[in-house]
Amino acid sequence: LLVVVLLLLPLVNSLLIHRVTLAVRRVSAQAAEIDAQRLDVRLDERGVPAEVAPLVAATNALVARLAQSFRQQAEFIANVVHELRTPLATLRMRADAGADAPARAALTGQVERISHVVAQLQDLASLDEPDQAALGPLDLGEVARIVVGDRAPAILAAGDTVALDAPTAPVRVCGNATLAEMAIGNLVGNAAKHTPPGTAILVTVRDDGSILYVGNDSVR
């Protein structure tokens, strides 16, 4: 009987190791599916070895905390947007009632810019769980034209110059227009903020969908 047990022991060990390996691989495949768009995924603890079960439980708890953090962030942004709308509306009415035309135009422009940022924040709050439905075809050149046109008055007033070099044909990419506008806006804003006065900023949109700016000798 002992000889039979000794002969079967390697086979039993192999089966047990195979079973444990399959369970770990299954959990690993589930973990690979978790990202910012799928924080509802949880690892299945059934059949997992006792040594690995605490790690699986901790991972599930971590994902739950991340999902809660994303929800709280979206709620915070939504609350900020809500609280800013009324003061901005009041400020816009007072700016329109101003007697000094140049000052009124400058103040109105700043209010419109802040309102635009608030609208972008609201769009970001709605994209707390983005999916493919939030993406679509867009003309990157047109987005860049809108951003440069919006930022040009402030850049010129600061003593810099800004220009756009984009193909005449549409530069079609797949993305989110709001996020693309924010990204290009940050690019142009950083170029104006972190370069000396008198910098000639050139925003270039390439046919392959890449964007770079040239500020004096700086290229990014």
C-alpha atoms as a PDB file:
ATOM      1  CA  LEU A   1       0.000   0.000   0.000  1.00  0.00           C
ATOM      2  CA  LEU A   2       2.858   2.361   0.835  1.00  0.00           C
ATOM      3  CA  VAL A   3       4.431   1.713  -2.533  1.00  0.00           C
ATOM      4  CA  VAL A   4       1.161   2.536  -4.293  1.00  0.00           C
ATOM      5  CA  VAL A   5       0.820   5.780  -2.304  1.00  0.00           C
ATOM      6  CA  LEU A   6       4.387   6.790  -3.126  1.00  0.00           C
ATOM      7  CA  LEU A   7       3.764   6.103  -6.808  1.00  0.00           C
ATOM      8  CA  LEU A   8       0.526   8.155  -6.824  1.00  0.00           C
ATOM      9  CA  LEU A   9       1.944  11.042  -4.810  1.00  0.00           C
ATOM     10  CA  PRO A  10       3.678  12.803  -7.766  1.00  0.00           C
ATOM     11  CA  LEU A  11       0.475  12.540  -9.806  1.00  0.00           C
ATOM     12  CA  VAL A  12      -1.624  13.977  -6.969  1.00  0.00           C
ATOM     13  CA  ASN A  13       0.871  16.801  -6.477  1.00  0.00           C
ATOM     14  CA  SER A  14       0.826  17.597 -10.177  1.00  0.00           C
ATOM     15  CA  LEU A  15      -2.974  17.746 -10.195  1.00  0.00           C
ATOM     16  CA  LEU A  16      -3.023  20.037  -7.165  1.00  0.00           C
ATOM     17  CA  ILE A  17      -0.379  22.338  -8.631  1.00  0.00           C
ATOM     18  CA  HIS A  18      -2.267  22.430 -11.939  1.00  0.00           C
ATOM     19  CA  ARG A  19      -5.485  23.341 -10.139  1.00  0.00           C
ATOM     20  CA  VAL A  20      -3.778  26.133  -8.190  1.00  0.00           C
ATOM     21  CA  THR A  21      -2.116  27.436 -11.347  1.00  0.00           C
ATOM     22  CA  LEU A  22      -5.429  27.569 -13.221  1.00  0.00           C
ATOM     23  CA  ALA A  23      -7.059  29.487 -10.336  1.00  0.00           C
ATOM     24  CA  VAL A  24      -4.224  32.024 -10.214  1.00  0.00           C
ATOM     25  CA  ARG A  25      -4.301  32.471 -13.994  1.00  0.00           C
ATOM     26  CA  ARG A  26      -8.056  32.999 -13.906  1.00  0.00           C
ATOM     27  CA  VAL A  27      -7.714  35.696 -11.246  1.00  0.00           C
ATOM     28  CA  SER A  28      -4.821  37.290 -13.149  1.00  0.00           C
ATOM     29  CA  ALA A  29      -6.958  37.490 -16.295  1.00  0.00           C
ATOM     30  CA  GLN A  30      -9.722  39.181 -14.322  1.00  0.00           C
ATOM     31  CA  ALA A  31      -7.231  41.648 -12.843  1.00  0.00           C
ATOM     32  CA  ALA A  32      -6.009  42.528 -16.337  1.00  0.00           C
ATOM     33  CA  GLU A  33      -9.549  43.659 -17.247  1.00  0.00           C
ATOM     34  CA  ILE A  34      -9.612  46.305 -14.504  1.00  0.00           C
ATOM     35  CA  ASP A  35      -8.950  49.858 -15.653  1.00  0.00           C
ATOM     36  CA  ALA A  36     -10.453  53.324 -15.226  1.00  0.00           C
ATOM     37  CA  GLN A  37     -13.419  52.342 -17.389  1.00  0.00           C
ATOM     38  CA  ARG A  38     -14.105  49.026 -15.610  1.00  0.00           C
ATOM     39  CA  LEU A  39     -13.822  49.649 -11.899  1.00  0.00           C
ATOM     40  CA  ASP A  40     -16.886  47.481 -11.380  1.00  0.00           C
ATOM     41  CA  VAL A  41     -14.836  44.328 -12.028  1.00  0.00           C
ATOM     42  CA  ARG A  42     -14.018  42.232  -8.952  1.00  0.00           C
ATOM     43  CA  LEU A  43     -11.726  39.225  -8.681  1.00  0.00           C
ATOM     44  CA  ASP A  44     -13.456  35.901  -8.093  1.00  0.00           C
ATOM     45  CA  GLU A  45     -12.226  34.423  -4.809  1.00  0.00           C
ATOM     46  CA  ARG A  46     -13.766  30.995  -5.422  1.00  0.00           C
ATOM     47  CA  GLY A  47     -11.215  28.236  -5.872  1.00  0.00           C
ATOM     48  CA  VAL A  48      -8.304  30.520  -5.035  1.00  0.00           C
ATOM     49  CA  PRO A  49      -5.631  28.955  -2.787  1.00  0.00           C
ATOM     50  CA  ALA A  50      -5.763  30.035   0.834  1.00  0.00           C
ATOM     51  CA  GLU A  51      -2.332  31.635   0.487  1.00  0.00           C
ATOM     52  CA  VAL A  52      -3.549  33.878  -2.360  1.00  0.00           C
ATOM     53  CA  ALA A  53      -7.050  34.635  -1.028  1.00  0.00           C
ATOM     54  CA  PRO A  54      -5.928  37.573   1.212  1.00  0.00           C
ATOM     55  CA  LEU A  55      -4.233  39.229  -1.784  1.00  0.00           C
ATOM     56  CA  VAL A  56      -7.382  38.813  -3.895  1.00  0.00           C
ATOM     57  CA  ALA A  57      -9.541  40.291  -1.137  1.00  0.00           C
ATOM     58  CA  ALA A  58      -7.150  43.222  -0.701  1.00  0.00           C
ATOM     59  CA  THR A  59      -7.178  43.876  -4.448  1.00  0.00           C
ATOM     60  CA  ASN A  60     -10.978  43.911  -4.508  1.00  0.00           C
ATOM     61  CA  ALA A  61     -11.011  46.346  -1.595  1.00  0.00           C
ATOM     62  CA  LEU A  62      -8.499  48.588  -3.360  1.00  0.00           C
ATOM     63  CA  VAL A  63     -10.557  48.670  -6.557  1.00  0.00           C
ATOM     64  CA  ALA A  64     -13.666  49.534  -4.519  1.00  0.00           C
ATOM     65  CA  ARG A  65     -11.828  52.439  -2.887  1.00  0.00           C
ATOM     66  CA  LEU A  66     -10.636  53.676  -6.284  1.00  0.00           C
ATOM     67  CA  ALA A  67     -14.187  53.583  -7.652  1.00  0.00           C
ATOM     68  CA  GLN A  68     -15.416  55.517  -4.627  1.00  0.00           C
ATOM     69  CA  SER A  69     -12.607  58.058  -5.080  1.00  0.00           C
ATOM     70  CA  PHE A  70     -13.565  58.614  -8.726  1.00  0.00           C
ATOM     71  CA  ARG A  71     -17.194  59.131  -7.720  1.00  0.00           C
ATOM     72  CA  GLN A  72     -16.244  61.635  -5.038  1.00  0.00           C
ATOM     73  CA  GLN A  73     -14.024  63.493  -7.489  1.00  0.00           C
ATOM     74  CA  ALA A  74     -16.853  63.747 -10.010  1.00  0.00           C
ATOM     75  CA  GLU A  75     -19.243  64.951  -7.304  1.00  0.00           C
ATOM     76  CA  PHE A  76     -16.726  67.561  -6.154  1.00  0.00           C
ATOM     77  CA  ILE A  77     -16.276  68.913  -9.683  1.00  0.00           C
ATOM     78  CA  ALA A  78     -20.039  69.015 -10.178  1.00  0.00           C
ATOM     79  CA  ASN A  79     -20.466  70.962  -6.922  1.00  0.00           C
ATOM     80  CA  VAL A  80     -17.731  73.431  -7.884  1.00  0.00           C
ATOM     81  CA  VAL A  81     -19.352  74.018 -11.269  1.00  0.00           C
ATOM     82  CA  HIS A  82     -22.729  74.542  -9.633  1.00  0.00           C
ATOM     83  CA  GLU A  83     -21.353  77.044  -7.115  1.00  0.00           C
ATOM     84  CA  LEU A  84     -19.494  79.037  -9.784  1.00  0.00           C
ATOM     85  CA  ARG A  85     -22.369  79.471 -12.206  1.00  0.00           C
ATOM     86  CA  THR A  86     -24.291  82.071 -10.199  1.00  0.00           C
ATOM     87  CA  PRO A  87     -21.299  84.344  -9.394  1.00  0.00           C
ATOM     88  CA  LEU A  88     -20.200  84.185 -13.015  1.00  0.00           C
ATOM     89  CA  ALA A  89     -23.666  85.165 -14.224  1.00  0.00           C
ATOM     90  CA  THR A  90     -23.698  88.098 -11.797  1.00  0.00           C
ATOM     91  CA  LEU A  91     -20.216  89.185 -12.853  1.00  0.00           C
ATOM     92  CA  ARG A  92     -21.209  88.989 -16.523  1.00  0.00           C
ATOM     93  CA  MET A  93     -24.219  91.280 -15.937  1.00  0.00           C
ATOM     94  CA  ARG A  94     -22.076  93.815 -14.073  1.00  0.00           C
ATOM     95  CA  ALA A  95     -19.474  93.719 -16.821  1.00  0.00           C
ATOM     96  CA  ASP A  96     -22.139  94.361 -19.458  1.00  0.00           C
ATOM     97  CA  ALA A  97     -23.370  97.346 -17.458  1.00  0.00           C
ATOM     98  CA  GLY A  98     -19.930  98.967 -17.245  1.00  0.00           C
ATOM     99  CA  ALA A  99     -19.461 102.400 -18.795  1.00  0.00           C
ATOM    100  CA  ASP A 100     -15.837 102.020 -19.862  1.00  0.00           C
ATOM    101  CA  ALA A 101     -15.971 100.135 -23.152  1.00  0.00           C
ATOM    102  CA  PRO A 102     -12.344  98.834 -23.204  1.00  0.00           C
ATOM    103  CA  ALA A 103     -12.530  97.723 -19.579  1.00  0.00           C
ATOM    104  CA  ARG A 104     -15.943  96.176 -20.197  1.00  0.00           C
ATOM    105  CA  ALA A 105     -14.642  94.219 -23.168  1.00  0.00           C
ATOM    106  CA  ALA A 106     -11.599  92.980 -21.244  1.00  0.00           C
ATOM    107  CA  LEU A 107     -13.682  91.952 -18.240  1.00  0.00           C
ATOM    108  CA  THR A 108     -16.278  90.268 -20.417  1.00  0.00           C
ATOM    109  CA  GLY A 109     -13.545  88.334 -22.171  1.00  0.00           C
ATOM    110  CA  GLN A 110     -12.159  87.093 -18.867  1.00  0.00           C
ATOM    111  CA  VAL A 111     -15.619  86.093 -17.655  1.00  0.00           C
ATOM    112  CA  GLU A 112     -16.236  84.184 -20.869  1.00  0.00           C
ATOM    113  CA  ARG A 113     -12.925  82.394 -20.478  1.00  0.00           C
ATOM    114  CA  ILE A 114     -13.709  81.372 -16.896  1.00  0.00           C
ATOM    115  CA  SER A 115     -17.147  80.237 -18.006  1.00  0.00           C
ATOM    116  CA  HIS A 116     -15.497  78.151 -20.697  1.00  0.00           C
ATOM    117  CA  VAL A 117     -13.241  76.501 -18.111  1.00  0.00           C
ATOM    118  CA  VAL A 118     -16.246  75.816 -15.894  1.00  0.00           C
ATOM    119  CA  ALA A 119     -18.031  74.197 -18.825  1.00  0.00           C
ATOM    120  CA  GLN A 120     -14.971  72.033 -19.442  1.00  0.00           C
ATOM    121  CA  LEU A 121     -14.968  70.983 -15.792  1.00  0.00           C
ATOM    122  CA  GLN A 122     -18.601  69.998 -16.132  1.00  0.00           C
ATOM    123  CA  ASP A 123     -17.757  67.909 -19.187  1.00  0.00           C
ATOM    124  CA  LEU A 124     -14.933  66.262 -17.264  1.00  0.00           C
ATOM    125  CA  ALA A 125     -17.296  65.420 -14.441  1.00  0.00           C
ATOM    126  CA  SER A 126     -19.556  63.661 -16.931  1.00  0.00           C
ATOM    127  CA  LEU A 127     -16.554  61.665 -18.172  1.00  0.00           C
ATOM    128  CA  ASP A 128     -15.674  60.121 -14.804  1.00  0.00           C
ATOM    129  CA  GLU A 129     -16.240  56.703 -16.404  1.00  0.00           C
ATOM    130  CA  PRO A 130     -15.406  57.300 -20.081  1.00  0.00           C
ATOM    131  CA  ASP A 131     -16.090  54.637 -22.658  1.00  0.00           C
ATOM    132  CA  GLN A 132     -15.932  54.308 -26.392  1.00  0.00           C
ATOM    133  CA  ALA A 133     -19.224  56.217 -26.693  1.00  0.00           C
ATOM    134  CA  ALA A 134     -17.375  59.335 -25.448  1.00  0.00           C
ATOM    135  CA  LEU A 135     -14.955  59.094 -28.358  1.00  0.00           C
ATOM    136  CA  GLY A 136     -15.620  60.020 -31.940  1.00  0.00           C
ATOM    137  CA  PRO A 137     -14.117  61.522 -35.076  1.00  0.00           C
ATOM    138  CA  LEU A 138     -12.955  65.105 -34.813  1.00  0.00           C
ATOM    139  CA  ASP A 139     -10.903  67.578 -36.807  1.00  0.00           C
ATOM    140  CA  LEU A 140      -7.798  68.274 -34.736  1.00  0.00           C
ATOM    141  CA  GLY A 141      -6.936  71.281 -36.865  1.00  0.00           C
ATOM    142  CA  GLU A 142     -10.300  72.880 -36.168  1.00  0.00           C
ATOM    143  CA  VAL A 143      -9.951  72.230 -32.430  1.00  0.00           C
ATOM    144  CA  ALA A 144      -6.515  73.872 -32.497  1.00  0.00           C
ATOM    145  CA  ARG A 145      -7.928  76.885 -34.373  1.00  0.00           C
ATOM    146  CA  ILE A 146     -10.595  77.376 -31.717  1.00  0.00           C
ATOM    147  CA  VAL A 147      -8.070  77.142 -28.890  1.00  0.00           C
ATOM    148  CA  VAL A 148      -5.511  79.460 -30.483  1.00  0.00           C
ATOM    149  CA  GLY A 149      -8.217  81.972 -31.353  1.00  0.00           C
ATOM    150  CA  ASP A 150      -9.504  81.887 -27.796  1.00  0.00           C
ATOM    151  CA  ARG A 151      -6.051  82.300 -26.236  1.00  0.00           C
ATOM    152  CA  ALA A 152      -4.646  84.807 -28.737  1.00  0.00           C
ATOM    153  CA  PRO A 153      -5.964  88.049 -27.125  1.00  0.00           C
ATOM    154  CA  ALA A 154      -4.442  87.262 -23.731  1.00  0.00           C
ATOM    155  CA  ILE A 155      -1.150  86.109 -25.279  1.00  0.00           C
ATOM    156  CA  LEU A 156      -0.873  89.248 -27.420  1.00  0.00           C
ATOM    157  CA  ALA A 157      -1.698  91.430 -24.422  1.00  0.00           C
ATOM    158  CA  ALA A 158       1.174  89.788 -22.514  1.00  0.00           C
ATOM    159  CA  GLY A 159       3.647  90.757 -25.237  1.00  0.00           C
ATOM    160  CA  ASP A 160       3.930  87.412 -27.002  1.00  0.00           C
ATOM    161  CA  THR A 161       2.688  86.345 -30.406  1.00  0.00           C
ATOM    162  CA  VAL A 162       0.901  83.154 -31.341  1.00  0.00           C
ATOM    163  CA  ALA A 163       0.199  81.555 -34.702  1.00  0.00           C
ATOM    164  CA  LEU A 164      -1.217  78.299 -35.974  1.00  0.00           C
ATOM    165  CA  ASP A 165       0.223  76.118 -38.717  1.00  0.00           C
ATOM    166  CA  ALA A 166      -2.368  73.491 -39.672  1.00  0.00           C
ATOM    167  CA  PRO A 167      -3.168  71.674 -42.909  1.00  0.00           C
ATOM    168  CA  THR A 168      -6.032  73.064 -44.946  1.00  0.00           C
ATOM    169  CA  ALA A 169      -7.529  69.586 -45.141  1.00  0.00           C
ATOM    170  CA  PRO A 170      -9.186  68.207 -41.981  1.00  0.00           C
ATOM    171  CA  VAL A 171      -6.911  66.220 -39.682  1.00  0.00           C
ATOM    172  CA  ARG A 172      -9.266  63.429 -38.670  1.00  0.00           C
ATOM    173  CA  VAL A 173      -8.559  61.635 -35.398  1.00  0.00           C
ATOM    174  CA  CYS A 174     -10.639  59.628 -32.958  1.00  0.00           C
ATOM    175  CA  GLY A 175     -10.943  61.263 -29.558  1.00  0.00           C
ATOM    176  CA  ASN A 176     -12.982  63.448 -27.255  1.00  0.00           C
ATOM    177  CA  ALA A 177     -13.286  67.056 -28.434  1.00  0.00           C
ATOM    178  CA  THR A 178     -13.487  68.485 -24.919  1.00  0.00           C
ATOM    179  CA  LEU A 179     -10.392  66.690 -23.690  1.00  0.00           C
ATOM    180  CA  ALA A 180      -8.504  67.529 -26.902  1.00  0.00           C
ATOM    181  CA  GLU A 181      -9.379  71.189 -26.484  1.00  0.00           C
ATOM    182  CA  MET A 182      -8.210  71.141 -22.875  1.00  0.00           C
ATOM    183  CA  ALA A 183      -4.945  69.418 -23.811  1.00  0.00           C
ATOM    184  CA  ILE A 184      -4.140  71.924 -26.572  1.00  0.00           C
ATOM    185  CA  GLY A 185      -5.193  74.774 -24.293  1.00  0.00           C
ATOM    186  CA  ASN A 186      -2.769  73.577 -21.633  1.00  0.00           C
ATOM    187  CA  LEU A 187      -0.038  73.308 -24.270  1.00  0.00           C
ATOM    188  CA  VAL A 188      -0.569  76.886 -25.448  1.00  0.00           C
ATOM    189  CA  GLY A 189      -0.987  78.163 -21.885  1.00  0.00           C
ATOM    190  CA  ASN A 190       2.286  76.609 -20.766  1.00  0.00           C
ATOM    191  CA  ALA A 191       4.052  78.026 -23.809  1.00  0.00           C
ATOM    192  CA  ALA A 192       2.870  81.518 -22.896  1.00  0.00           C
ATOM    193  CA  LYS A 193       3.485  81.129 -19.175  1.00  0.00           C
ATOM    194  CA  HIS A 194       6.930  79.556 -19.155  1.00  0.00           C
ATOM    195  CA  THR A 195       8.635  81.556 -21.919  1.00  0.00           C
ATOM    196  CA  PRO A 196      10.065  85.089 -21.740  1.00  0.00           C
ATOM    197  CA  PRO A 197       8.054  88.088 -23.029  1.00  0.00           C
ATOM    198  CA  GLY A 198       8.246  88.565 -26.752  1.00  0.00           C
ATOM    199  CA  THR A 199       8.201  84.860 -27.511  1.00  0.00           C
ATOM    200  CA  ALA A 200       6.785  83.868 -30.894  1.00  0.00           C
ATOM    201  CA  ILE A 201       4.627  80.821 -30.220  1.00  0.00           C
ATOM    202  CA  LEU A 202       3.830  78.612 -33.194  1.00  0.00           C
ATOM    203  CA  VAL A 203       1.368  75.754 -32.755  1.00  0.00           C
ATOM    204  CA  THR A 204       1.763  73.126 -35.469  1.00  0.00           C
ATOM    205  CA  VAL A 205      -0.773  70.420 -36.295  1.00  0.00           C
ATOM    206  CA  ARG A 206       0.657  67.644 -38.418  1.00  0.00           C
ATOM    207  CA  ASP A 207      -1.118  65.346 -40.825  1.00  0.00           C
ATOM    208  CA  ASP A 208      -0.483  62.360 -38.553  1.00  0.00           C
ATOM    209  CA  GLY A 209      -2.430  64.002 -35.702  1.00  0.00           C
ATOM    210  CA  SER A 210       0.581  65.089 -33.658  1.00  0.00           C
ATOM    211  CA  ILE A 211       0.835  68.605 -32.238  1.00  0.00           C
ATOM    212  CA  LEU A 212       3.906  70.597 -31.274  1.00  0.00           C
ATOM    213  CA  TYR A 213       4.653  74.164 -30.420  1.00  0.00           C
ATOM    214  CA  VAL A 214       7.742  76.261 -31.087  1.00  0.00           C
ATOM    215  CA  GLY A 215       8.594  79.045 -28.688  1.00  0.00           C
ATOM    216  CA  ASN A 216      11.863  80.705 -29.751  1.00  0.00           C
ATOM    217  CA  ASP A 217      14.312  77.767 -29.589  1.00  0.00           C
ATOM    218  CA  SER A 218      12.019  75.484 -27.571  1.00  0.00           C
ATOM    219  CA  VAL A 219      10.218  72.710 -29.413  1.00  0.00           C
ATOM    220  CA  ARG A 220       7.800  70.299 -27.680  1.00  0.00           C
END
